[in-house]
Amino acid sequence: MLQFHKTARHWIGLAVVCAVLSSGVAAQARQPAATTPALPQPQAMAMALSDQPIDAAQLALGRRLTKAMTFDTRLAGVMDVLLASLREQVLAGLPAGAPPARKAMFTAALDEALAGVKADTMAKLETGYSRYFAVSMTPATLAELTTFYESPMGRTVAPGAPAATEAETQAVGQYFMDHPALAEGLAAMVGGAMVSQEVMKREQGSMAKTFKIRLCQSLKTRGAVPASCAGVS
């Protein structure tokens, strides 16, 4: 029987790690009203991408969970890769004989514009995840899951952490056996993996326009007004 429980803890611990990896936060916050129901995945996604108001305490926990799950740093890494590719393409299109000073000025303006685009997009992604977590599970589960991933034990299975040891996996498995309601939170996090896809899908049309506006603004502050920026403000 002891071996059975040890095996169960091991597999539950591994399941937690797998659920976390596939989904891709000091002072205690005020607990939201326990009667607030969790929304099913489609409604939760719609709410996350809307401007409808969400309980402030739940939203604060959603932000903390997003940070504890390292969604912010992982999303930033993805954005860096995407924008680095765009940067290379733009710089490759510069005239081969461009004066070094002119090229340096353009590169500085380009980097400033890309940083702005990244900040804008990151804000929307983080908001999307925070809102999704805030409504996709009950307040009690959200608070408990946030507390777990902010704890030393939770950080051992957070994405980006070193591989968990057998003892750590057993401990996580036992914790989830003792807190069965957390399974609801894991299911919500797996569904939340679609948040970034939905946000980026919505941003596809506006990112190019935003980039051009920011680049033109950066060039103008440096005294350069190319013809392609005419009428761009």
C-alpha atoms as a PDB file:
ATOM      1  CA  MET A   1       0.000   0.000   0.000  1.00  0.00           C
ATOM      2  CA  LEU A   2       2.889   2.361   0.826  1.00  0.00           C
ATOM      3  CA  GLN A   3       4.438   1.688  -2.583  1.00  0.00           C
ATOM      4  CA  PHE A   4       1.063   2.377  -4.242  1.00  0.00           C
ATOM      5  CA  HIS A   5       0.816   5.810  -2.597  1.00  0.00           C
ATOM      6  CA  LYS A   6       4.414   6.594  -3.519  1.00  0.00           C
ATOM      7  CA  THR A   7       3.716   5.666  -7.141  1.00  0.00           C
ATOM      8  CA  ALA A   8       0.535   7.746  -7.127  1.00  0.00           C
ATOM      9  CA  ARG A   9       2.404  10.778  -5.789  1.00  0.00           C
ATOM     10  CA  HIS A  10       5.062  10.325  -8.442  1.00  0.00           C
ATOM     11  CA  TRP A  11       2.612  10.194 -11.336  1.00  0.00           C
ATOM     12  CA  ILE A  12       0.475  13.039 -10.048  1.00  0.00           C
ATOM     13  CA  GLY A  13       3.622  15.110  -9.651  1.00  0.00           C
ATOM     14  CA  LEU A  14       4.646  14.322 -13.209  1.00  0.00           C
ATOM     15  CA  ALA A  15       1.138  15.173 -14.417  1.00  0.00           C
ATOM     16  CA  VAL A  16       1.407  18.586 -12.769  1.00  0.00           C
ATOM     17  CA  VAL A  17       4.739  19.236 -14.462  1.00  0.00           C
ATOM     18  CA  CYS A  18       3.364  18.147 -17.853  1.00  0.00           C
ATOM     19  CA  ALA A  19       0.248  20.288 -17.458  1.00  0.00           C
ATOM     20  CA  VAL A  20       2.384  23.303 -16.601  1.00  0.00           C
ATOM     21  CA  LEU A  21       4.694  22.792 -19.552  1.00  0.00           C
ATOM     22  CA  SER A  22       1.815  22.337 -21.965  1.00  0.00           C
ATOM     23  CA  SER A  23       0.097  25.584 -20.969  1.00  0.00           C
ATOM     24  CA  GLY A  24       2.266  27.633 -23.158  1.00  0.00           C
ATOM     25  CA  VAL A  25       3.242  35.062  -8.973  1.00  0.00           C
ATOM     26  CA  ALA A  26       4.340  38.896   0.038  1.00  0.00           C
ATOM     27  CA  ALA A  27       1.297  40.208   1.263  1.00  0.00           C
ATOM     28  CA  GLN A  28      -1.816  38.152   0.765  1.00  0.00           C
ATOM     29  CA  ALA A  29      -4.350  39.691  -1.623  1.00  0.00           C
ATOM     30  CA  ARG A  30      -7.968  40.110  -0.587  1.00  0.00           C
ATOM     31  CA  GLN A  31      -9.856  36.900  -1.355  1.00  0.00           C
ATOM     32  CA  PRO A  32     -12.562  37.353  -4.035  1.00  0.00           C
ATOM     33  CA  ALA A  33     -16.102  36.295  -3.249  1.00  0.00           C
ATOM     34  CA  ALA A  34     -16.169  32.493  -3.136  1.00  0.00           C
ATOM     35  CA  THR A  35     -19.490  32.379  -4.940  1.00  0.00           C
ATOM     36  CA  THR A  36     -18.088  33.642  -8.238  1.00  0.00           C
ATOM     37  CA  PRO A  37     -18.384  30.742 -10.719  1.00  0.00           C
ATOM     38  CA  ALA A  38     -15.681  29.697 -13.155  1.00  0.00           C
ATOM     39  CA  LEU A  39     -16.482  30.283 -16.808  1.00  0.00           C
ATOM     40  CA  PRO A  40     -16.188  27.447 -19.374  1.00  0.00           C
ATOM     41  CA  GLN A  41     -13.190  27.757 -21.708  1.00  0.00           C
ATOM     42  CA  PRO A  42     -14.962  29.443 -24.662  1.00  0.00           C
ATOM     43  CA  GLN A  43     -16.626  32.068 -22.456  1.00  0.00           C
ATOM     44  CA  ALA A  44     -13.450  32.575 -20.442  1.00  0.00           C
ATOM     45  CA  MET A  45     -11.485  33.195 -23.638  1.00  0.00           C
ATOM     46  CA  ALA A  46     -14.091  35.659 -24.894  1.00  0.00           C
ATOM     47  CA  MET A  47     -14.009  37.499 -21.567  1.00  0.00           C
ATOM     48  CA  ALA A  48     -10.198  37.549 -21.555  1.00  0.00           C
ATOM     49  CA  LEU A  49     -10.108  39.230 -24.957  1.00  0.00           C
ATOM     50  CA  SER A  50     -12.899  41.698 -24.193  1.00  0.00           C
ATOM     51  CA  ASP A  51     -13.060  44.972 -22.260  1.00  0.00           C
ATOM     52  CA  GLN A  52     -15.739  43.741 -19.873  1.00  0.00           C
ATOM     53  CA  PRO A  53     -14.951  44.468 -16.220  1.00  0.00           C
ATOM     54  CA  ILE A  54     -13.570  41.702 -14.011  1.00  0.00           C
ATOM     55  CA  ASP A  55     -13.500  41.626 -10.209  1.00  0.00           C
ATOM     56  CA  ALA A  56     -10.392  43.569  -9.172  1.00  0.00           C
ATOM     57  CA  ALA A  57      -9.246  40.995  -6.613  1.00  0.00           C
ATOM     58  CA  GLN A  58      -9.575  38.133  -9.096  1.00  0.00           C
ATOM     59  CA  LEU A  59      -7.711  40.127 -11.744  1.00  0.00           C
ATOM     60  CA  ALA A  60      -4.909  40.869  -9.286  1.00  0.00           C
ATOM     61  CA  LEU A  61      -4.563  37.131  -8.607  1.00  0.00           C
ATOM     62  CA  GLY A  62      -4.611  36.463 -12.341  1.00  0.00           C
ATOM     63  CA  ARG A  63      -1.671  38.844 -12.765  1.00  0.00           C
ATOM     64  CA  ARG A  64       0.221  37.184  -9.938  1.00  0.00           C
ATOM     65  CA  LEU A  65      -0.364  33.722 -11.403  1.00  0.00           C
ATOM     66  CA  THR A  66       0.774  34.903 -14.840  1.00  0.00           C
ATOM     67  CA  LYS A  67       4.011  36.135 -13.274  1.00  0.00           C
ATOM     68  CA  ALA A  68       4.499  33.088 -11.052  1.00  0.00           C
ATOM     69  CA  MET A  69       4.051  30.818 -14.064  1.00  0.00           C
ATOM     70  CA  THR A  70       6.740  32.896 -15.853  1.00  0.00           C
ATOM     71  CA  PHE A  71       4.375  33.584 -18.744  1.00  0.00           C
ATOM     72  CA  ASP A  72       5.715  37.147 -18.880  1.00  0.00           C
ATOM     73  CA  THR A  73       9.364  36.132 -19.306  1.00  0.00           C
ATOM     74  CA  ARG A  74       8.564  33.278 -21.699  1.00  0.00           C
ATOM     75  CA  LEU A  75       6.386  35.507 -23.864  1.00  0.00           C
ATOM     76  CA  ALA A  76       9.113  38.146 -23.861  1.00  0.00           C
ATOM     77  CA  GLY A  77      11.552  35.522 -25.141  1.00  0.00           C
ATOM     78  CA  VAL A  78       9.204  34.552 -27.965  1.00  0.00           C
ATOM     79  CA  MET A  79       8.723  38.204 -28.900  1.00  0.00           C
ATOM     80  CA  ASP A  80      12.494  38.735 -28.958  1.00  0.00           C
ATOM     81  CA  VAL A  81      12.897  35.913 -31.470  1.00  0.00           C
ATOM     82  CA  LEU A  82      10.113  37.214 -33.711  1.00  0.00           C
ATOM     83  CA  LEU A  83      11.327  40.808 -33.630  1.00  0.00           C
ATOM     84  CA  ALA A  84      14.967  39.817 -34.163  1.00  0.00           C
ATOM     85  CA  SER A  85      13.926  38.177 -37.422  1.00  0.00           C
ATOM     86  CA  LEU A  86      12.048  41.317 -38.480  1.00  0.00           C
ATOM     87  CA  ARG A  87      15.042  43.461 -37.553  1.00  0.00           C
ATOM     88  CA  GLU A  88      17.355  41.385 -39.728  1.00  0.00           C
ATOM     89  CA  GLN A  89      14.984  41.636 -42.675  1.00  0.00           C
ATOM     90  CA  VAL A  90      14.677  45.415 -42.391  1.00  0.00           C
ATOM     91  CA  LEU A  91      18.411  45.985 -42.022  1.00  0.00           C
ATOM     92  CA  ALA A  92      19.098  43.664 -44.953  1.00  0.00           C
ATOM     93  CA  GLY A  93      17.039  46.013 -47.120  1.00  0.00           C
ATOM     94  CA  LEU A  94      19.249  49.033 -46.478  1.00  0.00           C
ATOM     95  CA  PRO A  95      21.349  50.233 -49.434  1.00  0.00           C
ATOM     96  CA  ALA A  96      24.760  48.578 -49.417  1.00  0.00           C
ATOM     97  CA  GLY A  97      26.521  51.931 -49.732  1.00  0.00           C
ATOM     98  CA  ALA A  98      24.621  53.729 -46.964  1.00  0.00           C
ATOM     99  CA  PRO A  99      26.915  56.025 -44.914  1.00  0.00           C
ATOM    100  CA  PRO A 100      27.822  54.416 -41.554  1.00  0.00           C
ATOM    101  CA  ALA A 101      26.420  57.360 -39.576  1.00  0.00           C
ATOM    102  CA  ARG A 102      23.138  57.201 -41.483  1.00  0.00           C
ATOM    103  CA  LYS A 103      22.922  53.469 -41.009  1.00  0.00           C
ATOM    104  CA  ALA A 104      23.632  53.799 -37.269  1.00  0.00           C
ATOM    105  CA  MET A 105      20.906  56.428 -36.933  1.00  0.00           C
ATOM    106  CA  PHE A 106      18.391  54.210 -38.736  1.00  0.00           C
ATOM    107  CA  THR A 107      19.368  51.189 -36.647  1.00  0.00           C
ATOM    108  CA  ALA A 108      18.824  53.146 -33.425  1.00  0.00           C
ATOM    109  CA  ALA A 109      15.414  54.299 -34.634  1.00  0.00           C
ATOM    110  CA  LEU A 110      14.551  50.751 -35.683  1.00  0.00           C
ATOM    111  CA  ASP A 111      15.500  49.318 -32.294  1.00  0.00           C
ATOM    112  CA  GLU A 112      13.452  51.967 -30.523  1.00  0.00           C
ATOM    113  CA  ALA A 113      10.434  51.207 -32.695  1.00  0.00           C
ATOM    114  CA  LEU A 114      10.760  47.447 -32.157  1.00  0.00           C
ATOM    115  CA  ALA A 115      11.041  47.951 -28.398  1.00  0.00           C
ATOM    116  CA  GLY A 116       7.808  49.916 -28.497  1.00  0.00           C
ATOM    117  CA  VAL A 117       6.024  47.243 -30.508  1.00  0.00           C
ATOM    118  CA  LYS A 118       7.255  44.599 -28.062  1.00  0.00           C
ATOM    119  CA  ALA A 119       6.020  46.591 -25.061  1.00  0.00           C
ATOM    120  CA  ASP A 120       2.601  47.129 -26.650  1.00  0.00           C
ATOM    121  CA  THR A 121       2.209  43.468 -27.562  1.00  0.00           C
ATOM    122  CA  MET A 122       3.519  42.184 -24.231  1.00  0.00           C
ATOM    123  CA  ALA A 123       1.009  44.339 -22.374  1.00  0.00           C
ATOM    124  CA  LYS A 124      -1.842  42.837 -24.385  1.00  0.00           C
ATOM    125  CA  LEU A 125      -0.565  39.273 -23.931  1.00  0.00           C
ATOM    126  CA  GLU A 126      -0.082  39.646 -20.184  1.00  0.00           C
ATOM    127  CA  THR A 127      -3.507  41.263 -19.847  1.00  0.00           C
ATOM    128  CA  GLY A 128      -5.061  38.430 -21.847  1.00  0.00           C
ATOM    129  CA  TYR A 129      -3.530  35.740 -19.632  1.00  0.00           C
ATOM    130  CA  SER A 130      -4.349  37.596 -16.408  1.00  0.00           C
ATOM    131  CA  ARG A 131      -7.965  38.069 -17.426  1.00  0.00           C
ATOM    132  CA  TYR A 132      -8.270  34.469 -18.590  1.00  0.00           C
ATOM    133  CA  PHE A 133      -6.958  33.031 -15.337  1.00  0.00           C
ATOM    134  CA  ALA A 134      -9.181  35.413 -13.354  1.00  0.00           C
ATOM    135  CA  VAL A 135     -12.396  34.020 -14.842  1.00  0.00           C
ATOM    136  CA  SER A 136     -11.537  30.445 -15.879  1.00  0.00           C
ATOM    137  CA  MET A 137     -11.439  29.039 -12.336  1.00  0.00           C
ATOM    138  CA  THR A 138     -13.225  29.713  -9.088  1.00  0.00           C
ATOM    139  CA  PRO A 139     -11.732  32.429  -6.853  1.00  0.00           C
ATOM    140  CA  ALA A 140     -10.786  29.839  -4.234  1.00  0.00           C
ATOM    141  CA  THR A 141      -8.918  27.693  -6.768  1.00  0.00           C
ATOM    142  CA  LEU A 142      -7.249  30.737  -8.343  1.00  0.00           C
ATOM    143  CA  ALA A 143      -6.036  31.920  -4.928  1.00  0.00           C
ATOM    144  CA  GLU A 144      -4.780  28.451  -3.976  1.00  0.00           C
ATOM    145  CA  LEU A 145      -3.043  27.856  -7.297  1.00  0.00           C
ATOM    146  CA  THR A 146      -1.398  31.286  -7.151  1.00  0.00           C
ATOM    147  CA  THR A 147      -0.169  30.614  -3.610  1.00  0.00           C
ATOM    148  CA  PHE A 148       1.234  27.264  -4.736  1.00  0.00           C
ATOM    149  CA  TYR A 149       3.181  28.622  -7.717  1.00  0.00           C
ATOM    150  CA  GLU A 150       4.550  31.495  -5.648  1.00  0.00           C
ATOM    151  CA  SER A 151       5.857  29.007  -3.073  1.00  0.00           C
ATOM    152  CA  PRO A 152       9.293  27.340  -3.164  1.00  0.00           C
ATOM    153  CA  MET A 153       7.594  24.032  -4.046  1.00  0.00           C
ATOM    154  CA  GLY A 154       5.642  25.592  -6.889  1.00  0.00           C
ATOM    155  CA  ARG A 155       8.743  27.222  -8.309  1.00  0.00           C
ATOM    156  CA  THR A 156      10.343  23.779  -8.719  1.00  0.00           C
ATOM    157  CA  VAL A 157       7.763  22.884 -11.391  1.00  0.00           C
ATOM    158  CA  ALA A 158       7.321  26.306 -12.978  1.00  0.00           C
ATOM    159  CA  PRO A 159       8.314  26.472 -16.666  1.00  0.00           C
ATOM    160  CA  GLY A 160      12.015  27.206 -17.030  1.00  0.00           C
ATOM    161  CA  ALA A 161      12.946  25.685 -13.667  1.00  0.00           C
ATOM    162  CA  PRO A 162      15.599  22.954 -13.532  1.00  0.00           C
ATOM    163  CA  ALA A 163      14.250  19.425 -13.847  1.00  0.00           C
ATOM    164  CA  ALA A 164      12.487  18.440 -10.628  1.00  0.00           C
ATOM    165  CA  THR A 165      14.113  15.755  -8.519  1.00  0.00           C
ATOM    166  CA  GLU A 166      12.295  12.564  -7.562  1.00  0.00           C
ATOM    167  CA  ALA A 167      11.719  13.976  -4.060  1.00  0.00           C
ATOM    168  CA  GLU A 168      10.334  17.224  -5.470  1.00  0.00           C
ATOM    169  CA  THR A 169       8.064  15.333  -7.861  1.00  0.00           C
ATOM    170  CA  GLN A 170       6.786  13.201  -4.979  1.00  0.00           C
ATOM    171  CA  ALA A 171       6.168  16.314  -2.853  1.00  0.00           C
ATOM    172  CA  VAL A 172       4.219  18.035  -5.636  1.00  0.00           C
ATOM    173  CA  GLY A 173       2.178  14.887  -6.240  1.00  0.00           C
ATOM    174  CA  GLN A 174       1.323  14.650  -2.540  1.00  0.00           C
ATOM    175  CA  TYR A 175       0.370  18.334  -2.455  1.00  0.00           C
ATOM    176  CA  PHE A 176      -2.075  17.911  -5.319  1.00  0.00           C
ATOM    177  CA  MET A 177      -3.492  14.764  -3.743  1.00  0.00           C
ATOM    178  CA  ASP A 178      -4.135  16.822  -0.613  1.00  0.00           C
ATOM    179  CA  HIS A 179      -5.627  19.704  -2.642  1.00  0.00           C
ATOM    180  CA  PRO A 180      -7.817  18.021  -5.305  1.00  0.00           C
ATOM    181  CA  ALA A 181      -9.529  21.291  -6.253  1.00  0.00           C
ATOM    182  CA  LEU A 182      -6.282  22.384  -7.907  1.00  0.00           C
ATOM    183  CA  ALA A 183      -6.998  20.001 -10.783  1.00  0.00           C
ATOM    184  CA  GLU A 184      -9.528  22.602 -11.923  1.00  0.00           C
ATOM    185  CA  GLY A 185      -6.762  25.177 -12.091  1.00  0.00           C
ATOM    186  CA  LEU A 186      -4.467  22.919 -14.104  1.00  0.00           C
ATOM    187  CA  ALA A 187      -7.226  22.262 -16.615  1.00  0.00           C
ATOM    188  CA  ALA A 188      -7.819  26.005 -16.951  1.00  0.00           C
ATOM    189  CA  MET A 189      -4.115  26.658 -17.505  1.00  0.00           C
ATOM    190  CA  VAL A 190      -3.916  24.101 -20.294  1.00  0.00           C
ATOM    191  CA  GLY A 191      -6.840  25.820 -21.999  1.00  0.00           C
ATOM    192  CA  GLY A 192      -5.118  29.142 -21.484  1.00  0.00           C
ATOM    193  CA  ALA A 193      -2.378  28.113 -23.901  1.00  0.00           C
ATOM    194  CA  MET A 194      -4.650  29.471 -26.627  1.00  0.00           C
ATOM    195  CA  VAL A 195      -4.609  32.996 -25.196  1.00  0.00           C
ATOM    196  CA  SER A 196      -1.382  34.033 -26.901  1.00  0.00           C
ATOM    197  CA  GLN A 197      -2.544  32.576 -30.226  1.00  0.00           C
ATOM    198  CA  GLU A 198      -5.820  34.476 -30.052  1.00  0.00           C
ATOM    199  CA  VAL A 199      -4.130  37.737 -29.047  1.00  0.00           C
ATOM    200  CA  MET A 200      -1.548  37.477 -31.821  1.00  0.00           C
ATOM    201  CA  LYS A 201      -4.236  36.597 -34.345  1.00  0.00           C
ATOM    202  CA  ARG A 202      -6.029  39.820 -33.434  1.00  0.00           C
ATOM    203  CA  GLU A 203      -2.809  41.816 -33.567  1.00  0.00           C
ATOM    204  CA  GLN A 204      -1.638  40.621 -36.977  1.00  0.00           C
ATOM    205  CA  GLY A 205      -3.388  43.414 -38.826  1.00  0.00           C
ATOM    206  CA  SER A 206      -2.360  46.214 -36.494  1.00  0.00           C
ATOM    207  CA  MET A 207       1.238  45.272 -35.641  1.00  0.00           C
ATOM    208  CA  ALA A 208       2.592  46.276 -39.068  1.00  0.00           C
ATOM    209  CA  LYS A 209       0.797  49.613 -38.876  1.00  0.00           C
ATOM    210  CA  THR A 210       1.985  50.200 -35.297  1.00  0.00           C
ATOM    211  CA  PHE A 211       5.542  49.346 -36.289  1.00  0.00           C
ATOM    212  CA  LYS A 212       5.513  51.809 -39.177  1.00  0.00           C
ATOM    213  CA  ILE A 213       4.118  54.582 -36.991  1.00  0.00           C
ATOM    214  CA  ARG A 214       6.698  53.999 -34.284  1.00  0.00           C
ATOM    215  CA  LEU A 215       9.561  53.767 -36.774  1.00  0.00           C
ATOM    216  CA  CYS A 216       8.540  57.004 -38.472  1.00  0.00           C
ATOM    217  CA  GLN A 217       8.238  58.734 -35.120  1.00  0.00           C
ATOM    218  CA  SER A 218      11.689  57.489 -34.103  1.00  0.00           C
ATOM    219  CA  LEU A 219      13.194  58.669 -37.387  1.00  0.00           C
ATOM    220  CA  LYS A 220      11.545  62.085 -37.097  1.00  0.00           C
ATOM    221  CA  THR A 221      12.993  62.633 -33.628  1.00  0.00           C
ATOM    222  CA  ARG A 222      16.394  62.046 -35.229  1.00  0.00           C
ATOM    223  CA  GLY A 223      15.777  64.590 -37.991  1.00  0.00           C
ATOM    224  CA  ALA A 224      15.011  62.091 -40.735  1.00  0.00           C
ATOM    225  CA  VAL A 225      11.702  62.203 -42.606  1.00  0.00           C
ATOM    226  CA  PRO A 226      11.717  59.618 -45.412  1.00  0.00           C
ATOM    227  CA  ALA A 227       9.064  59.852 -48.111  1.00  0.00           C
ATOM    228  CA  SER A 228       7.481  56.640 -46.845  1.00  0.00           C
ATOM    229  CA  CYS A 229       6.663  58.413 -43.583  1.00  0.00           C
ATOM    230  CA  ALA A 230       4.726  61.218 -45.234  1.00  0.00           C
ATOM    231  CA  GLY A 231       1.366  61.594 -43.531  1.00  0.00           C
ATOM    232  CA  VAL A 232       2.292  59.170 -40.727  1.00  0.00           C
ATOM    233  CA  SER A 233       1.818  60.694 -37.291  1.00  0.00           C
END
